[in-house]
């Protein structure tokens, strides 16, 4: 048993509920209260530091983060042109190794590059044709590869587009290296992962420290795969070697749909769960593939990736297997289709919302009212880091009327359970899953370029913290996380400064000094 005193402990019961002491036994909170109520000795002095429940990122891509941590950040301020991207890739520790070693990068956004175009296979071949190269676009939907990567994936001028994706070509028909949308990008990822399973496990293991230093004690893997290997096996092998955060896996529905055998569930629910299905309804705003009611400047409305009957098939499967359905939908047409198709259905989960709308980027008043009054128990999971880091793209691709409906977090909270998350590393920002940068954006509504994005949708610091703790736990089914109250896991973080009293425009400077899991300190900041 351990008793902690003299703390500024945010319980997570409301936006402003604090205590000064708590007791931990067998990894769980057994009591909370005030210092004067503590009579037993010894005690652990928290020195008036601010304590939060362990933070939860319920929409992220740990496999992509694992790739990114050993890959090259192709984002501003270091990379602002294709030539700077080429230079950065040549400084990769993997550059110059054997032919089986992939060079990997992430985060480029053609609108932020001096050339205002996507890098091509020729640009990457100028780096090397000996080693395969794979670079994620900022949205992690699209990517680019060099000729060696294309060859390993079997992509030629005659390769047909996969359903829901597009393989780019030069005017002469030669593949130009650009793989648009997830279905096309997966062709390169499968070639890469098929060669490097052991490296994938190593990289996943290394992400454990990354999450703990950000105070993230549980994560939602929103890109669970069945090919070229099962994501559950990747996590199980990483956990066996010391990966510490809890992980909830959401399998991509299109892959589950093709499987003849049922999903394999973990043997223990202590760290790993198979929590749901991931359905893609559209693409991204910055990639001009989010499916919108009004067109982009090009005259196109984006792409619809899933038909109503496929969405209902996912719902039926989830109902039979007690799983949640998480639907990627950024454009208002995509969100509207989810509402129209499922709002009148009976929920099948009682411990958490049955359907999560991921991103929920463009929402007008009528749509919010439909969500609020629906029979279905919807939740909304959104990412402030997007408007923080990609404001220029949103201003460029959306009309003023569309822009007014973007990331309406205050209105979301009034309509349905709402959580904040990162979708990391799928944005052009070097620290895409820092929770406090996201909280700062949600509170100030100010983008990194100084633009203010729909100021009337700002939320309080307490609401932002709940979006990464209590509310995220309730939406993600993490029933023992998100609050520091009796019965909950003793997962908590000790901060370097108090976010509740810090200037709101400095929330992004808050850091985690220590992360504790089940009453044990597992990370200490040493800088």
Protein backbone atom coordinates (compact mmCIF):
# COMPACT_ATOMS: atom_id res chain seq x y z
CA UNK A 1 0.00 0.00 0.00
CA UNK A 2 1.19 3.53 -0.85
CA UNK A 3 -0.36 6.79 0.27
CA UNK A 4 0.37 9.98 -1.69
CA UNK A 5 -0.06 13.40 -0.08
CA UNK A 6 0.50 17.08 -0.79
CA UNK A 7 -0.57 16.78 -4.42
CA UNK A 8 -2.77 18.73 -6.82
CA UNK A 9 -4.57 15.62 -8.03
CA UNK A 10 -7.12 15.98 -10.83
CA UNK A 11 -9.60 13.16 -10.30
CA UNK A 12 -11.36 13.32 -13.67
CA UNK A 13 -14.82 13.30 -12.07
CA UNK A 14 -15.52 16.76 -13.49
CA UNK A 15 -13.66 19.63 -15.13
CA UNK A 16 -12.50 21.05 -11.78
CA UNK A 17 -12.41 18.23 -9.22
CA UNK A 18 -9.16 17.99 -7.25
CA UNK A 19 -7.95 16.21 -4.12
CA UNK A 20 -4.63 16.37 -2.32
CA UNK A 21 -4.16 12.71 -1.33
CA UNK A 22 -4.80 9.20 -2.64
CA UNK A 23 -4.11 5.64 -1.60
CA UNK A 24 -2.97 2.81 -3.92
CA UNK A 25 -3.17 -0.90 -3.20
CA UNK A 26 -2.42 -3.74 -5.61
CA UNK A 27 -2.17 -1.34 -8.51
CA UNK A 28 -5.55 0.33 -7.99
CA UNK A 29 -6.85 3.45 -6.30
CA UNK A 30 -8.58 2.55 -3.02
CA UNK A 31 -9.16 6.01 -1.54
CA UNK A 32 -8.94 9.71 -2.41
CA UNK A 33 -9.32 12.70 -0.12
CA UNK A 34 -7.48 15.45 1.69
CA UNK A 35 -4.13 15.45 3.46
CA UNK A 36 -5.65 16.00 6.90
CA UNK A 37 -7.54 12.74 6.59
CA UNK A 38 -4.30 10.73 6.27
CA UNK A 39 -3.07 9.22 9.52
CA UNK A 40 -0.95 6.25 8.45
CA UNK A 41 2.76 6.43 7.70
CA UNK A 42 4.82 6.41 5.60
CA UNK A 43 3.52 8.68 2.86
CA UNK A 44 4.86 9.80 -0.50
CA UNK A 45 5.11 13.59 -0.82
CA UNK A 46 3.98 14.88 -4.22
CA UNK A 47 5.38 18.35 -3.48
CA UNK A 48 2.22 20.09 -4.71
CA UNK A 49 2.83 18.84 -8.26
CA UNK A 50 -0.14 18.47 -10.62
CA UNK A 51 -1.25 14.87 -11.14
CA UNK A 52 -3.54 13.76 -13.98
CA UNK A 53 -5.03 10.35 -14.71
CA UNK A 54 -2.89 8.56 -17.28
CA UNK A 55 -3.63 10.03 -20.71
CA UNK A 56 -5.39 8.00 -23.40
CA UNK A 57 -4.95 8.40 -27.16
CA UNK A 58 -7.85 6.34 -28.46
CA UNK A 59 -7.25 7.10 -32.15
CA UNK A 60 -3.65 6.71 -33.19
CA UNK A 61 -1.51 4.47 -35.39
CA UNK A 62 1.22 2.87 -33.26
CA UNK A 63 2.57 0.82 -36.16
CA UNK A 64 2.96 4.04 -38.14
CA UNK A 65 4.50 5.75 -35.11
CA UNK A 66 6.91 2.83 -34.85
CA UNK A 67 7.87 3.39 -38.48
CA UNK A 68 8.13 7.16 -37.97
CA UNK A 69 10.36 6.99 -34.92
CA UNK A 70 13.10 5.29 -36.89
CA UNK A 71 12.20 7.16 -40.09
CA UNK A 72 12.82 10.72 -41.24
CA UNK A 73 10.47 13.60 -40.39
CA UNK A 74 9.74 15.28 -43.74
CA UNK A 75 7.92 18.19 -42.12
CA UNK A 76 8.52 21.88 -41.59
CA UNK A 77 10.58 23.57 -40.32
CA UNK A 78 13.40 21.21 -41.40
CA UNK A 79 11.91 20.10 -44.72
CA UNK A 80 10.34 22.78 -46.90
CA UNK A 81 11.23 21.55 -50.38
CA UNK A 82 11.85 18.36 -52.30
CA UNK A 83 15.60 19.03 -52.31
CA UNK A 84 15.53 19.36 -48.50
CA UNK A 85 13.53 16.13 -48.33
CA UNK A 86 16.21 14.40 -50.39
CA UNK A 87 18.93 15.73 -48.09
CA UNK A 88 17.03 14.66 -44.98
CA UNK A 89 16.58 11.13 -46.31
CA UNK A 90 20.31 10.87 -47.02
CA UNK A 91 20.95 11.62 -43.33
CA UNK A 92 18.81 8.66 -42.27
CA UNK A 93 20.81 6.13 -40.21
CA UNK A 94 19.52 3.48 -42.63
CA UNK A 95 20.96 5.23 -45.70
CA UNK A 96 23.78 3.24 -47.28
CA UNK A 97 22.89 -0.05 -45.62
CA UNK A 98 22.09 -3.28 -47.47
CA UNK A 99 19.47 -3.65 -50.19
CA UNK A 100 16.93 -5.18 -47.79
CA UNK A 101 16.92 -2.09 -45.53
CA UNK A 102 14.13 0.34 -46.32
CA UNK A 103 14.57 4.10 -46.03
CA UNK A 104 11.42 5.50 -44.45
CA UNK A 105 10.06 8.99 -43.98
CA UNK A 106 6.79 10.62 -43.02
CA UNK A 107 4.86 13.86 -42.94
CA UNK A 108 5.34 15.57 -46.33
CA UNK A 109 2.53 17.82 -47.52
CA UNK A 110 2.90 19.01 -51.09
CA UNK A 111 1.14 22.28 -50.25
CA UNK A 112 3.96 23.08 -47.80
CA UNK A 113 6.79 22.20 -50.23
CA UNK A 114 8.38 24.98 -52.28
CA UNK A 115 7.61 23.10 -55.49
CA UNK A 116 3.91 22.68 -54.53
CA UNK A 117 3.87 19.16 -55.89
CA UNK A 118 4.18 15.62 -54.62
CA UNK A 119 7.65 14.04 -54.78
CA UNK A 120 7.92 11.46 -57.55
CA UNK A 121 9.71 8.18 -58.06
CA UNK A 122 12.40 10.10 -59.96
CA UNK A 123 12.93 12.44 -56.99
CA UNK A 124 13.37 9.46 -54.68
CA UNK A 125 15.53 7.55 -57.14
CA UNK A 126 17.92 10.51 -56.98
CA UNK A 127 18.47 9.49 -53.34
CA UNK A 128 19.06 5.80 -54.10
CA UNK A 129 17.86 3.08 -56.41
CA UNK A 130 19.60 0.37 -54.39
CA UNK A 131 17.49 0.62 -51.25
CA UNK A 132 13.68 0.81 -51.28
CA UNK A 133 12.21 4.12 -50.11
CA UNK A 134 8.77 4.66 -48.58
CA UNK A 135 7.49 8.06 -47.40
CA UNK A 136 4.06 8.69 -45.90
CA UNK A 137 2.15 11.78 -46.88
CA UNK A 138 1.04 13.83 -43.85
CA UNK A 139 -2.43 12.22 -43.79
CA UNK A 140 -0.99 8.67 -43.72
CA UNK A 141 -3.52 7.79 -46.38
CA UNK A 142 -1.20 8.39 -49.30
CA UNK A 143 2.52 7.82 -49.85
CA UNK A 144 5.34 7.80 -52.37
CA UNK A 145 7.94 5.16 -53.18
CA UNK A 146 11.06 4.87 -55.30
CA UNK A 147 11.53 2.40 -58.15
CA UNK A 148 12.98 -0.27 -55.85
CA UNK A 149 9.94 -0.08 -53.56
CA UNK A 150 7.55 -0.22 -56.52
CA UNK A 151 9.37 -3.26 -57.89
CA UNK A 152 9.20 -5.10 -54.55
CA UNK A 153 5.46 -4.39 -54.45
CA UNK A 154 5.07 -5.67 -58.00
CA UNK A 155 3.78 -2.34 -59.30
CA UNK A 156 4.18 -1.73 -63.02
CA UNK A 157 2.48 0.41 -65.65
CA UNK A 158 -0.13 -2.36 -66.02
CA UNK A 159 -0.98 -2.73 -62.32
CA UNK A 160 -4.68 -1.90 -61.84
CA UNK A 161 -5.82 0.53 -59.17
CA UNK A 162 -6.91 -1.23 -55.98
CA UNK A 163 -10.50 -0.59 -54.91
CA UNK A 164 -10.59 2.75 -53.12
CA UNK A 165 -7.07 3.76 -54.16
CA UNK A 166 -5.13 5.12 -57.12
CA UNK A 167 -1.64 4.42 -58.46
CA UNK A 168 -0.18 7.59 -59.97
CA UNK A 169 1.35 7.61 -63.46
CA UNK A 170 3.43 9.92 -65.60
CA UNK A 171 2.05 11.01 -68.96
CA UNK A 172 3.90 8.14 -70.64
CA UNK A 173 2.13 5.60 -68.41
CA UNK A 174 5.08 4.87 -66.13
CA UNK A 175 4.19 4.70 -62.38
CA UNK A 176 5.20 8.01 -60.81
CA UNK A 177 5.53 6.59 -57.29
CA UNK A 178 2.46 8.31 -55.81
CA UNK A 179 0.10 5.92 -54.05
CA UNK A 180 -3.15 7.76 -53.34
CA UNK A 181 -5.32 6.65 -50.43
CA UNK A 182 -4.97 3.73 -48.03
CA UNK A 183 -5.70 0.91 -50.47
CA UNK A 184 -2.83 1.96 -52.74
CA UNK A 185 -0.42 2.76 -49.90
CA UNK A 186 -0.99 -0.69 -48.44
CA UNK A 187 0.59 -2.23 -51.54
CA UNK A 188 3.92 -0.72 -50.48
CA UNK A 189 3.38 -1.36 -46.77
CA UNK A 190 2.72 -5.06 -47.33
CA UNK A 191 5.90 -5.42 -49.37
CA UNK A 192 7.84 -3.62 -46.63
CA UNK A 193 6.32 -5.51 -43.69
CA UNK A 194 6.58 -8.90 -45.36
CA UNK A 195 10.36 -8.49 -45.37
CA UNK A 196 10.73 -6.96 -41.93
CA UNK A 197 8.50 -8.57 -39.29
CA UNK A 198 11.32 -8.82 -36.74
CA UNK A 199 12.19 -5.17 -37.35
CA UNK A 200 8.51 -4.25 -36.95
CA UNK A 201 8.47 -5.90 -33.51
CA UNK A 202 11.69 -4.09 -32.55
CA UNK A 203 10.27 -0.75 -33.67
CA UNK A 204 6.97 -1.33 -31.88
CA UNK A 205 8.84 -2.11 -28.68
CA UNK A 206 10.71 1.20 -28.97
CA UNK A 207 7.43 3.13 -29.14
CA UNK A 208 6.67 2.09 -25.55
CA UNK A 209 9.00 4.78 -24.18
CA UNK A 210 7.65 7.30 -26.67
CA UNK A 211 4.13 6.83 -25.34
CA UNK A 212 5.16 6.87 -21.70
CA UNK A 213 7.12 10.10 -22.09
CA UNK A 214 3.94 11.68 -23.47
CA UNK A 215 1.96 10.34 -20.51
CA UNK A 216 -0.03 7.96 -22.71
CA UNK A 217 -0.89 4.82 -20.76
CA UNK A 218 -3.37 3.37 -23.28
CA UNK A 219 -3.74 3.67 -27.04
CA UNK A 220 -6.25 2.79 -29.72
CA UNK A 221 -4.71 1.08 -32.76
CA UNK A 222 -7.05 2.27 -35.51
CA UNK A 223 -5.37 0.38 -38.34
CA UNK A 224 -5.40 -3.24 -37.25
CA UNK A 225 -4.36 -5.46 -40.16
CA UNK A 226 -4.77 -9.08 -41.14
CA UNK A 227 -2.09 -8.92 -43.87
CA UNK A 228 0.81 -9.55 -44.25
CA UNK A 229 0.53 -10.59 -40.59
CA UNK A 230 -2.04 -10.17 -37.82
CA UNK A 231 -1.65 -6.95 -35.81
CA UNK A 232 -2.54 -8.84 -32.65
CA UNK A 233 0.55 -11.01 -33.08
CA UNK A 234 2.70 -7.90 -33.51
CA UNK A 235 1.41 -6.49 -30.22
CA UNK A 236 1.63 -9.81 -28.38
CA UNK A 237 5.25 -10.21 -29.42
CA UNK A 238 6.03 -6.60 -28.43
CA UNK A 239 4.28 -7.02 -25.05
CA UNK A 240 6.23 -10.20 -24.37
CA UNK A 241 9.40 -8.12 -24.74
CA UNK A 242 8.28 -5.22 -22.55
CA UNK A 243 5.80 -2.99 -24.42
CA UNK A 244 3.84 -1.37 -21.56
CA UNK A 245 0.82 0.74 -22.64
CA UNK A 246 -2.56 -0.90 -22.96
CA UNK A 247 -3.65 -1.25 -26.58
CA UNK A 248 -7.11 -1.63 -28.09
CA UNK A 249 -7.01 -2.92 -31.68
CA UNK A 250 -9.55 -1.93 -34.34
CA UNK A 251 -9.28 -4.08 -37.46
CA UNK A 252 -9.84 -2.61 -40.91
CA UNK A 253 -13.25 -3.91 -41.90
CA UNK A 254 -12.42 -4.53 -45.55
CA UNK A 255 -9.77 -7.07 -44.48
CA UNK A 256 -11.96 -8.74 -41.85
CA UNK A 257 -14.71 -9.04 -44.45
CA UNK A 258 -12.41 -11.11 -46.66
CA UNK A 259 -11.37 -13.51 -43.90
CA UNK A 260 -12.98 -16.93 -43.78
CA UNK A 261 -11.94 -17.50 -40.15
CA UNK A 262 -13.19 -15.48 -37.13
CA UNK A 263 -11.10 -12.84 -35.40
CA UNK A 264 -8.60 -14.18 -32.89
CA UNK A 265 -9.01 -12.60 -29.47
CA UNK A 266 -6.13 -12.09 -27.00
CA UNK A 267 -5.67 -14.66 -24.26
CA UNK A 268 -5.63 -11.96 -21.57
CA UNK A 269 -7.32 -8.58 -21.39
CA UNK A 270 -4.70 -7.08 -19.10
CA UNK A 271 -2.91 -5.15 -21.85
CA UNK A 272 -4.45 -6.08 -25.20
CA UNK A 273 -8.02 -6.09 -26.46
CA UNK A 274 -9.62 -6.47 -29.86
CA UNK A 275 -12.07 -3.60 -29.50
CA UNK A 276 -13.66 -2.99 -32.85
CA UNK A 277 -13.76 -2.54 -36.60
CA UNK A 278 -12.44 0.40 -38.63
CA UNK A 279 -14.49 1.50 -41.64
CA UNK A 280 -13.21 4.08 -44.11
CA UNK A 281 -15.95 6.33 -45.44
CA UNK A 282 -13.67 8.87 -47.15
CA UNK A 283 -10.17 10.35 -47.27
CA UNK A 284 -8.65 13.61 -46.00
CA UNK A 285 -9.27 17.33 -46.42
CA UNK A 286 -5.63 18.14 -47.23
CA UNK A 287 -5.54 15.35 -49.79
CA UNK A 288 -8.81 16.57 -51.40
CA UNK A 289 -10.29 13.12 -50.83
CA UNK A 290 -12.63 13.80 -47.89
CA UNK A 291 -16.16 13.37 -49.26
CA UNK A 292 -17.91 16.73 -49.09
CA UNK A 293 -21.37 17.95 -50.06
CA UNK A 294 -19.86 21.04 -51.71
CA UNK A 295 -16.96 20.63 -54.15
CA UNK A 296 -13.29 21.51 -53.75
CA UNK A 297 -11.79 24.26 -55.96
CA UNK A 298 -11.08 21.54 -58.53
CA UNK A 299 -14.81 20.83 -58.82
CA UNK A 300 -14.44 17.39 -57.26
CA UNK A 301 -16.27 16.35 -54.08
CA UNK A 302 -13.72 13.86 -52.79
CA UNK A 303 -14.13 10.09 -52.65
CA UNK A 304 -16.74 7.81 -51.11
CA UNK A 305 -14.98 4.64 -49.97
CA UNK A 306 -17.84 2.67 -48.43
CA UNK A 307 -21.42 2.07 -49.53
CA UNK A 308 -24.32 1.90 -47.05
CA UNK A 309 -24.70 -1.89 -47.43
CA UNK A 310 -21.02 -2.41 -46.51
CA UNK A 311 -21.39 -0.17 -43.46
CA UNK A 312 -24.45 -2.17 -42.38
CA UNK A 313 -22.50 -5.41 -42.90
CA UNK A 314 -19.82 -4.09 -40.54
CA UNK A 315 -22.51 -3.16 -38.01
CA UNK A 316 -24.02 -6.66 -38.19
CA UNK A 317 -20.61 -8.28 -37.68
CA UNK A 318 -19.84 -5.98 -34.77
CA UNK A 319 -23.23 -6.69 -33.19
CA UNK A 320 -22.58 -10.44 -33.37
CA UNK A 321 -19.08 -10.16 -31.88
CA UNK A 322 -19.65 -7.39 -29.29
CA UNK A 323 -17.32 -5.00 -31.11
CA UNK A 324 -17.42 -1.26 -31.65
CA UNK A 325 -17.53 0.29 -35.13
CA UNK A 326 -15.19 3.25 -35.71
CA UNK A 327 -15.93 5.05 -38.98
CA UNK A 328 -13.38 7.38 -40.53
CA UNK A 329 -15.35 10.34 -41.86
CA UNK A 330 -13.94 13.84 -42.41
CA UNK A 331 -16.26 15.30 -45.04
CA UNK A 332 -19.84 16.31 -44.30
CA UNK A 333 -21.23 14.01 -47.01
CA UNK A 334 -19.42 11.06 -45.41
CA UNK A 335 -20.70 11.92 -41.93
CA UNK A 336 -24.22 12.44 -43.26
CA UNK A 337 -24.21 8.97 -44.80
CA UNK A 338 -23.26 7.44 -41.44
CA UNK A 339 -26.11 9.29 -39.75
CA UNK A 340 -28.64 8.42 -42.44
CA UNK A 341 -27.64 4.75 -42.44
CA UNK A 342 -27.32 4.05 -38.72
CA UNK A 343 -29.07 6.73 -36.62
CA UNK A 344 -32.29 4.73 -36.24
CA UNK A 345 -30.59 1.41 -35.46
CA UNK A 346 -30.67 -0.05 -31.96
CA UNK A 347 -27.32 0.15 -30.15
CA UNK A 348 -25.74 -3.18 -29.27
CA UNK A 349 -23.13 -2.03 -26.72
CA UNK A 350 -23.98 -0.75 -23.25
CA UNK A 351 -20.47 -0.32 -21.85
CA UNK A 352 -19.45 2.17 -24.55
CA UNK A 353 -20.92 3.82 -27.67
CA UNK A 354 -21.64 1.35 -30.46
CA UNK A 355 -20.51 3.66 -33.28
CA UNK A 356 -17.65 6.16 -33.20
CA UNK A 357 -17.40 8.82 -35.89
CA UNK A 358 -13.66 9.38 -36.26
CA UNK A 359 -12.45 12.91 -37.11
CA UNK A 360 -16.00 14.29 -37.62
CA UNK A 361 -14.36 17.27 -39.24
CA UNK A 362 -17.27 19.10 -40.90
CA UNK A 363 -20.51 19.22 -38.89
CA UNK A 364 -23.35 21.71 -39.31
CA UNK A 365 -26.09 22.36 -36.77
CA UNK A 366 -28.57 20.00 -38.41
CA UNK A 367 -26.12 17.10 -38.35
CA UNK A 368 -25.24 17.72 -34.71
CA UNK A 369 -28.95 17.73 -33.85
CA UNK A 370 -29.41 14.41 -35.68
CA UNK A 371 -26.52 12.86 -33.77
CA UNK A 372 -27.90 14.12 -30.46
CA UNK A 373 -31.43 12.79 -31.08
CA UNK A 374 -30.43 9.48 -32.69
CA UNK A 375 -31.48 6.09 -31.38
CA UNK A 376 -27.91 4.94 -32.00
CA UNK A 377 -25.42 5.77 -29.26
CA UNK A 378 -22.83 7.70 -31.28
CA UNK A 379 -19.51 9.08 -30.07
CA UNK A 380 -17.25 11.62 -31.75
CA UNK A 381 -13.44 11.31 -31.72
CA UNK A 382 -11.66 14.32 -33.18
CA UNK A 383 -8.14 15.74 -33.57
CA UNK A 384 -7.33 19.42 -32.81
CA UNK A 385 -3.79 18.88 -34.13
CA UNK A 386 -5.22 18.90 -37.67
CA UNK A 387 -6.43 22.49 -37.70
CA UNK A 388 -3.39 23.47 -35.61
CA UNK A 389 -0.90 22.12 -38.17
CA UNK A 390 -2.90 22.19 -41.43
CA UNK A 391 -4.81 25.46 -41.31
CA UNK A 392 -3.48 26.61 -44.69
CA UNK A 393 -4.77 23.47 -46.40
CA UNK A 394 -8.21 23.82 -44.81
CA UNK A 395 -8.43 27.49 -45.78
CA UNK A 396 -7.40 26.60 -49.33
CA UNK A 397 -9.61 23.57 -49.90
CA UNK A 398 -12.76 24.63 -48.03
CA UNK A 399 -15.14 27.49 -48.75
CA UNK A 400 -15.72 30.03 -45.95
CA UNK A 401 -19.06 28.38 -45.15
CA UNK A 402 -17.47 24.92 -44.99
CA UNK A 403 -14.64 26.24 -42.83
CA UNK A 404 -17.15 27.50 -40.24
CA UNK A 405 -18.24 23.89 -39.65
CA UNK A 406 -14.70 22.57 -39.03
CA UNK A 407 -13.73 20.94 -35.71
CA UNK A 408 -16.69 22.25 -33.70
CA UNK A 409 -15.49 20.69 -30.48
CA UNK A 410 -17.65 22.72 -28.10
CA UNK A 411 -20.74 21.84 -30.14
CA UNK A 412 -19.65 18.19 -30.36
CA UNK A 413 -19.53 17.98 -26.55
CA UNK A 414 -23.13 19.16 -26.42
CA UNK A 415 -24.27 16.60 -28.99
CA UNK A 416 -22.52 13.34 -28.05
CA UNK A 417 -19.68 11.86 -25.98
CA UNK A 418 -16.53 13.39 -27.45
CA UNK A 419 -12.84 12.54 -27.06
CA UNK A 420 -9.68 14.23 -28.28
CA UNK A 421 -6.95 12.18 -29.94
CA UNK A 422 -4.02 12.51 -32.34
CA UNK A 423 -4.38 10.22 -35.40
CA UNK A 424 -0.57 10.34 -35.19
CA UNK A 425 1.59 10.49 -37.16
CA UNK A 426 -0.94 11.60 -39.76
CA UNK A 427 -0.30 15.34 -39.78
CA UNK A 428 2.64 17.55 -40.83
CA UNK A 429 3.85 18.28 -37.31
CA UNK A 430 7.03 16.96 -35.73
CA UNK A 431 5.27 16.07 -32.43
CA UNK A 432 1.94 14.80 -33.78
CA UNK A 433 0.78 12.99 -30.64
CA UNK A 434 1.79 15.43 -27.91
CA UNK A 435 -1.49 15.65 -25.94
CA UNK A 436 -0.76 19.11 -24.58
CA UNK A 437 -0.27 20.66 -28.02
CA UNK A 438 -3.68 19.22 -28.96
CA UNK A 439 -5.19 20.60 -25.74
CA UNK A 440 -3.70 24.02 -26.46
CA UNK A 441 -5.28 24.00 -29.93
CA UNK A 442 -8.67 22.96 -28.53
CA UNK A 443 -8.57 25.69 -25.87
CA UNK A 444 -7.11 28.60 -27.89
CA UNK A 445 -8.37 27.57 -31.37
CA UNK A 446 -5.16 29.10 -32.70
CA UNK A 447 -3.20 27.36 -35.45
CA UNK A 448 0.58 27.33 -35.57
CA UNK A 449 0.47 30.04 -38.27
CA UNK A 450 -1.45 32.34 -35.90
CA UNK A 451 -4.82 31.94 -37.61
CA UNK A 452 -7.81 31.58 -35.27
CA UNK A 453 -10.11 28.72 -36.26
CA UNK A 454 -13.76 29.16 -35.24
CA UNK A 455 -13.07 30.82 -31.89
CA UNK A 456 -16.61 30.20 -30.62
CA UNK A 457 -15.84 26.44 -30.55
CA UNK A 458 -13.13 26.79 -27.88
CA UNK A 459 -13.36 24.57 -24.80
CA UNK A 460 -11.96 24.89 -21.30
CA UNK A 461 -8.72 23.33 -20.09
CA UNK A 462 -10.75 20.97 -17.89
CA UNK A 463 -12.82 19.83 -20.86
CA UNK A 464 -9.65 19.28 -22.90
CA UNK A 465 -8.09 17.17 -20.15
CA UNK A 466 -11.28 15.11 -19.85
CA UNK A 467 -11.09 14.58 -23.62
CA UNK A 468 -7.82 12.72 -23.06
CA UNK A 469 -8.88 10.98 -19.82
CA UNK A 470 -12.41 10.29 -18.57
CA UNK A 471 -14.26 10.85 -21.84
CA UNK A 472 -11.70 8.94 -23.89
CA UNK A 473 -11.95 6.02 -21.45
CA UNK A 474 -15.76 5.91 -21.66
CA UNK A 475 -15.71 6.00 -25.46
CA UNK A 476 -12.85 3.53 -25.83
CA UNK A 477 -14.20 1.03 -23.30
CA UNK A 478 -11.19 1.47 -21.00
CA UNK A 479 -13.34 1.04 -17.91
CA UNK A 480 -10.49 1.13 -15.36
CA UNK A 481 -8.81 4.22 -16.81
CA UNK A 482 -9.46 7.92 -17.15
CA UNK A 483 -10.16 8.84 -13.51
CA UNK A 484 -8.28 8.71 -10.23
CA UNK A 485 -11.08 7.39 -8.06
CA UNK A 486 -11.50 4.18 -6.03
CA UNK A 487 -11.58 1.07 -8.20
CA UNK A 488 -9.58 2.56 -11.07
CA UNK A 489 -6.07 1.57 -12.11
CA UNK A 490 -3.38 3.66 -10.46
CA UNK A 491 -2.20 4.97 -13.83
CA UNK A 492 -1.23 8.61 -13.51
CA UNK A 493 1.20 11.27 -14.70
CA UNK A 494 3.10 13.95 -12.78
CA UNK A 495 3.51 17.18 -14.75
CA UNK A 496 6.24 19.82 -14.85
CA UNK A 497 3.66 22.61 -14.55
CA UNK A 498 -0.04 23.05 -13.87
CA UNK A 499 -2.05 23.22 -17.12
CA UNK A 500 -5.04 24.63 -15.25
CA UNK A 501 -3.16 27.79 -14.26
CA UNK A 502 -0.69 28.08 -17.15
CA UNK A 503 -1.43 30.64 -19.89
CA UNK A 504 -3.60 28.87 -22.43
CA UNK A 505 -1.20 29.68 -25.27
CA UNK A 506 1.56 27.84 -23.36
CA UNK A 507 -0.27 24.58 -22.75
CA UNK A 508 1.89 22.96 -25.39
CA UNK A 509 4.90 23.49 -23.13
CA UNK A 510 3.49 21.23 -20.41
CA UNK A 511 5.61 18.08 -20.12
CA UNK A 512 5.30 14.81 -18.26
CA UNK A 513 7.89 14.45 -15.50
CA UNK A 514 6.81 10.93 -14.49
CA UNK A 515 4.42 8.26 -15.73
CA UNK A 516 3.08 5.60 -13.35
CA UNK A 517 1.34 2.34 -14.28
CA UNK A 518 -0.59 0.45 -11.61
CA UNK A 519 1.22 2.36 -8.88
CA UNK A 520 4.71 1.79 -10.30
CA UNK A 521 6.87 4.52 -11.81
CA UNK A 522 7.77 3.45 -15.36
CA UNK A 523 9.11 6.70 -16.83
CA UNK A 524 11.10 9.67 -15.46
CA UNK A 525 12.01 12.66 -17.62
CA UNK A 526 15.73 13.29 -17.36
CA UNK A 527 16.30 16.52 -19.28
